[in-house]
Protein backbone atom coordinates (compact mmCIF):
# COMPACT_ATOMS: atom_id res chain seq x y z
CA MET A 1 7.45 -278.11 -90.42
CA PRO A 2 10.29 -275.54 -89.91
CA PRO A 3 10.85 -274.24 -86.41
CA PHE A 4 9.07 -271.03 -85.26
CA PRO A 5 12.11 -268.71 -85.53
CA ILE A 6 12.32 -269.45 -89.26
CA ARG A 7 8.61 -268.71 -89.75
CA GLN A 8 9.02 -265.47 -87.77
CA ALA A 9 11.94 -264.35 -89.93
CA ALA A 10 9.94 -265.00 -93.10
CA TYR A 11 7.01 -263.05 -91.68
CA LEU A 12 9.24 -260.09 -90.78
CA GLN A 13 10.70 -260.13 -94.29
CA TYR A 14 7.17 -260.12 -95.72
CA VAL A 15 6.18 -257.13 -93.53
CA LYS A 16 9.32 -255.29 -94.62
CA LYS A 17 8.40 -255.76 -98.27
CA ILE A 18 4.88 -254.46 -97.62
CA LEU A 19 6.18 -251.38 -95.81
CA THR A 20 8.68 -250.69 -98.60
CA ALA A 21 5.92 -250.89 -101.20
CA CYS A 22 3.69 -248.55 -99.15
CA ALA A 23 6.53 -246.05 -98.80
CA ALA A 24 7.06 -246.07 -102.57
CA VAL A 25 3.36 -245.42 -103.18
CA LEU A 26 3.40 -242.58 -100.63
CA LEU A 27 6.38 -240.94 -102.30
CA MET A 28 4.69 -241.18 -105.69
CA SER A 29 1.54 -239.61 -104.23
CA VAL A 30 3.50 -236.73 -102.71
CA GLY A 31 5.30 -236.14 -105.99
CA SER A 32 2.01 -236.16 -107.89
CA PHE A 33 0.51 -233.68 -105.39
CA ALA A 34 3.50 -231.35 -105.81
CA GLN A 35 3.14 -231.44 -109.60
CA ASN A 36 -0.58 -230.72 -109.37
CA ALA A 37 -0.30 -228.07 -106.63
CA VAL A 38 -2.39 -224.96 -107.08
CA THR A 39 -0.39 -222.26 -108.87
CA ALA A 40 -3.12 -219.63 -109.39
CA LEU A 41 -3.03 -217.01 -106.64
CA SER A 42 -5.85 -214.76 -105.52
CA THR A 43 -5.44 -211.04 -106.11
CA THR A 44 -4.53 -210.41 -102.47
CA VAL A 45 -1.91 -213.16 -102.33
CA PHE A 46 -0.48 -212.17 -105.73
CA ALA A 47 -0.06 -208.56 -104.58
CA LYS A 48 1.55 -209.78 -101.36
CA LYS A 49 4.00 -211.93 -103.34
CA ILE A 50 5.06 -208.90 -105.38
CA LYS A 51 5.62 -206.86 -102.24
CA GLU A 52 7.49 -209.58 -100.33
CA THR A 53 9.62 -210.72 -103.28
CA PRO A 54 11.22 -207.63 -104.85
CA ARG A 55 13.39 -209.78 -107.12
CA ALA A 56 10.40 -211.60 -108.59
CA VAL A 57 9.82 -211.12 -112.31
CA VAL A 58 6.32 -209.89 -113.15
CA VAL A 59 5.26 -210.87 -116.67
CA ASP A 60 2.25 -209.48 -118.53
CA VAL A 61 1.38 -211.90 -121.36
CA ARG A 62 -1.29 -209.70 -122.97
CA THR A 63 -0.88 -207.92 -126.28
CA PRO A 64 1.17 -204.70 -126.45
CA GLU A 65 -2.07 -202.79 -127.09
CA GLU A 66 -3.62 -204.11 -123.88
CA PHE A 67 -0.41 -203.50 -121.97
CA ALA A 68 -0.33 -199.86 -123.11
CA LYS A 69 -3.75 -199.22 -121.56
CA GLY A 70 -2.54 -200.11 -118.08
CA HIS A 71 -0.34 -202.70 -116.40
CA LEU A 72 1.18 -203.72 -113.08
CA ALA A 73 4.24 -201.78 -111.97
CA ASN A 74 7.58 -203.02 -113.38
CA ALA A 75 5.84 -205.69 -115.46
CA VAL A 76 7.58 -207.10 -118.54
CA ASN A 77 5.30 -207.44 -121.55
CA ILE A 78 5.76 -210.71 -123.49
CA ASN A 79 2.77 -211.49 -125.66
CA TRP A 80 1.62 -215.12 -125.20
CA ASN A 81 0.09 -215.07 -128.69
CA GLY A 82 3.17 -213.51 -130.24
CA PRO A 83 5.34 -215.61 -132.58
CA ASP A 84 8.46 -215.04 -130.46
CA PHE A 85 7.02 -215.82 -127.02
CA THR A 86 9.27 -218.83 -126.35
CA THR A 87 12.40 -216.98 -127.48
CA LEU A 88 11.70 -213.90 -125.36
CA ILE A 89 10.50 -215.73 -122.26
CA SER A 90 13.57 -217.99 -122.30
CA LYS A 91 15.78 -214.93 -121.77
CA LEU A 92 14.36 -214.42 -118.26
CA ASN A 93 16.02 -215.78 -115.13
CA LYS A 94 14.67 -219.32 -114.77
CA THR A 95 15.69 -219.56 -111.10
CA ALA A 96 13.72 -216.48 -110.01
CA LEU A 97 10.08 -216.45 -108.96
CA VAL A 98 7.96 -215.48 -111.97
CA LEU A 99 4.51 -213.95 -111.46
CA VAL A 100 2.37 -214.06 -114.59
CA TYR A 101 -0.92 -212.37 -115.42
CA CYS A 102 -3.15 -211.57 -118.39
CA HIS A 103 -6.62 -210.08 -118.83
CA SER A 104 -8.78 -212.76 -117.22
CA GLY A 105 -6.42 -215.63 -116.36
CA ARG A 106 -6.72 -217.96 -119.36
CA ARG A 107 -3.63 -216.88 -121.28
CA SER A 108 -1.49 -216.63 -118.15
CA ALA A 109 -2.38 -220.22 -117.19
CA ASP A 110 -1.27 -221.47 -120.61
CA ALA A 111 1.85 -219.32 -120.56
CA ALA A 112 2.79 -220.50 -117.06
CA ALA A 113 2.39 -224.15 -118.07
CA SER A 114 4.66 -223.53 -121.06
CA MET A 115 7.27 -221.83 -118.86
CA ARG A 116 7.37 -224.81 -116.51
CA THR A 117 8.15 -227.12 -119.42
CA LEU A 118 10.97 -224.74 -120.33
CA GLY A 119 12.58 -225.25 -116.94
CA PHE A 120 11.40 -222.26 -114.87
CA ALA A 121 11.67 -223.16 -111.19
CA GLU A 122 8.57 -221.38 -109.86
CA VAL A 123 5.79 -219.78 -111.90
CA LEU A 124 2.59 -218.46 -110.30
CA GLU A 125 -0.42 -216.89 -112.03
CA LEU A 126 -2.89 -214.17 -111.06
CA GLU A 127 -6.31 -215.79 -110.76
CA GLY A 128 -8.87 -213.76 -112.68
CA GLY A 129 -6.19 -211.63 -114.34
CA ILE A 130 -5.97 -207.88 -114.30
CA LEU A 131 -9.78 -207.72 -114.29
CA LYS A 132 -9.80 -208.96 -110.70
CA TRP A 133 -6.86 -206.68 -109.90
CA ARG A 134 -8.89 -203.71 -111.10
CA GLU A 135 -12.01 -204.84 -109.24
CA MET A 136 -9.92 -204.68 -106.06
CA ARG A 137 -8.82 -201.18 -107.15
CA LEU A 138 -5.15 -202.04 -106.74
CA PRO A 139 -2.55 -199.71 -108.30
CA GLU A 140 -1.39 -200.01 -111.87
CA GLU A 141 0.63 -197.90 -114.25
CA THR A 142 -1.23 -196.11 -117.03
CA PRO A 143 0.17 -193.84 -119.71
CA VAL A 144 -0.65 -190.15 -119.54
CA PRO A 145 -1.46 -188.62 -122.96
CA ALA A 146 0.97 -185.92 -124.01
CA THR A 147 -1.74 -183.77 -125.59
CA ASN A 148 -5.44 -183.18 -125.12
CA MET A 149 -7.67 -184.98 -127.66
CA THR A 150 -9.51 -182.49 -129.85
CA PRO A 151 -13.18 -182.83 -130.85
CA GLN A 152 -12.00 -183.47 -134.40
CA GLN A 153 -9.81 -186.37 -133.27
CA PHE A 154 -12.70 -187.76 -131.25
CA ALA A 155 -15.01 -187.52 -134.27
CA SER A 156 -12.56 -189.61 -136.28
CA LEU A 157 -12.90 -192.39 -133.70
CA LEU A 158 -16.63 -192.51 -134.40
CA ASN A 159 -16.00 -193.17 -138.09
CA THR A 160 -16.60 -196.91 -137.87
CA ASP A 161 -19.26 -199.49 -138.65
CA LYS A 162 -19.11 -200.67 -135.04
CA THR A 163 -21.23 -199.33 -132.20
CA VAL A 164 -19.02 -197.04 -130.11
CA LEU A 165 -19.20 -197.07 -126.32
CA VAL A 166 -17.64 -193.93 -124.80
CA ASP A 167 -16.68 -194.12 -121.13
CA VAL A 168 -15.96 -190.70 -119.60
CA TYR A 169 -14.22 -191.12 -116.26
CA ALA A 170 -11.47 -189.96 -113.87
CA ASP A 171 -8.95 -191.95 -111.86
CA TRP A 172 -10.15 -190.47 -108.57
CA CYS A 173 -13.83 -191.27 -109.24
CA ARG A 174 -14.98 -194.30 -107.21
CA PRO A 175 -18.12 -195.07 -109.30
CA CYS A 176 -15.90 -194.85 -112.40
CA LYS A 177 -13.63 -197.52 -110.92
CA LEU A 178 -16.63 -199.75 -110.28
CA ILE A 179 -17.82 -199.44 -113.87
CA GLU A 180 -14.37 -199.90 -115.42
CA PRO A 181 -14.26 -203.73 -115.20
CA PHE A 182 -17.65 -203.94 -116.96
CA VAL A 183 -16.45 -201.70 -119.79
CA LEU A 184 -13.22 -203.66 -120.23
CA GLN A 185 -15.08 -206.98 -120.21
CA ILE A 186 -17.45 -205.72 -122.90
CA GLU A 187 -14.49 -204.46 -124.92
CA GLU A 188 -13.02 -207.98 -124.93
CA GLU A 189 -16.24 -209.97 -125.28
CA LYS A 190 -17.84 -207.78 -127.98
CA ALA A 191 -14.74 -206.75 -129.90
CA ALA A 192 -16.28 -207.78 -133.23
CA THR A 193 -19.18 -205.33 -132.93
CA ILE A 194 -18.32 -202.84 -130.18
CA LYS A 195 -15.56 -200.22 -130.09
CA VAL A 196 -14.70 -198.76 -126.69
CA VAL A 197 -13.31 -195.25 -126.26
CA ARG A 198 -12.32 -194.22 -122.73
CA ILE A 199 -11.88 -190.52 -121.98
CA ASN A 200 -10.18 -189.35 -118.80
CA THR A 201 -11.59 -185.93 -117.96
CA ASP A 202 -8.35 -184.89 -116.27
CA HIS A 203 -6.40 -185.62 -119.46
CA HIS A 204 -9.03 -184.34 -121.91
CA PRO A 205 -10.90 -181.46 -120.19
CA GLU A 206 -11.68 -179.61 -123.42
CA LEU A 207 -13.18 -182.68 -125.05
CA ALA A 208 -15.26 -183.47 -121.94
CA ASN A 209 -16.56 -179.90 -122.07
CA ALA A 210 -17.33 -180.20 -125.80
CA LEU A 211 -19.31 -183.38 -125.09
CA GLN A 212 -21.22 -181.47 -122.39
CA VAL A 213 -20.19 -183.90 -119.67
CA SER A 214 -21.34 -182.45 -116.35
CA SER A 215 -20.92 -185.51 -114.14
CA ILE A 216 -18.94 -188.75 -114.13
CA PRO A 217 -19.06 -191.54 -114.87
CA THR A 218 -20.86 -190.82 -118.13
CA LEU A 219 -21.44 -193.51 -120.74
CA MET A 220 -22.35 -192.63 -124.31
CA VAL A 221 -23.38 -194.92 -127.15
CA PHE A 222 -22.78 -193.78 -130.74
CA LYS A 223 -24.09 -195.55 -133.84
CA ASN A 224 -23.06 -194.41 -137.31
CA GLY A 225 -21.41 -191.40 -135.70
CA LYS A 226 -24.59 -190.26 -133.96
CA LEU A 227 -25.30 -190.19 -130.22
CA LYS A 228 -28.02 -192.73 -129.33
CA GLU A 229 -27.80 -193.31 -125.57
CA VAL A 230 -26.42 -191.50 -122.51
CA SER A 231 -26.12 -192.80 -118.96
CA ILE A 232 -24.80 -190.85 -115.98
CA GLY A 233 -23.71 -192.47 -112.74
CA LEU A 234 -23.10 -196.04 -111.61
CA VAL A 235 -24.78 -198.72 -113.72
CA SER A 236 -24.60 -202.50 -114.01
CA LYS A 237 -23.02 -204.45 -116.83
CA ALA A 238 -26.49 -205.64 -117.85
CA LYS A 239 -27.63 -202.02 -118.22
CA ILE A 240 -24.63 -201.18 -120.39
CA LEU A 241 -25.31 -204.17 -122.64
CA LYS A 242 -28.94 -203.07 -122.93
CA MET A 243 -27.77 -199.61 -124.01
CA LEU A 244 -25.64 -201.17 -126.76
CA LYS A 245 -28.52 -203.10 -128.38
């Protein structure tokens, strides 16, 4: 039998191999954790990132039509479902922090994953999309109509086979802000059968007067061009869906 020092050396070599193997497994675990780290930020954290990182690129991956109805300040609109998404997104600075959002969070998650495969260093998404942003009543940029909509123009919007939900509101109206996410959700979920028309009383005072709107928020349901339902004040999403049946 070999002397003890030889057995001790072999044992130490064995321990060294075990420790080396453990270290390798640990490094692989850390790397896997980094790759699977959470990239969806809450509304509060997302807003904080924008404020603290002025050079971050904010990307709205919704359609141009959605973007035109309201978007985060300084956001770049690159449609995830557009045929040229990869070409346009690749023109952005890949070393900068990129903050991505969509309507509810599904498209932004897919877009962010695609951007990471394209070599973007850091891409973070807004959890819940602009719907959550609006629920928190955080600021966004919305276009101001150049002219007041006439009753005749409004009537043309009712010329459709779809049921029309008219939301009469104002930016300063708190109950209006609470209803807004419900209306926008319905617009997306029921797009095949429901048409949503939103009327800002500050932008369209004459039309609001012609519709005899005395208080806001006011919701109106039109079918075949005729008024069927009217609701004044704060209501739930379930109530709005009941009105649309």
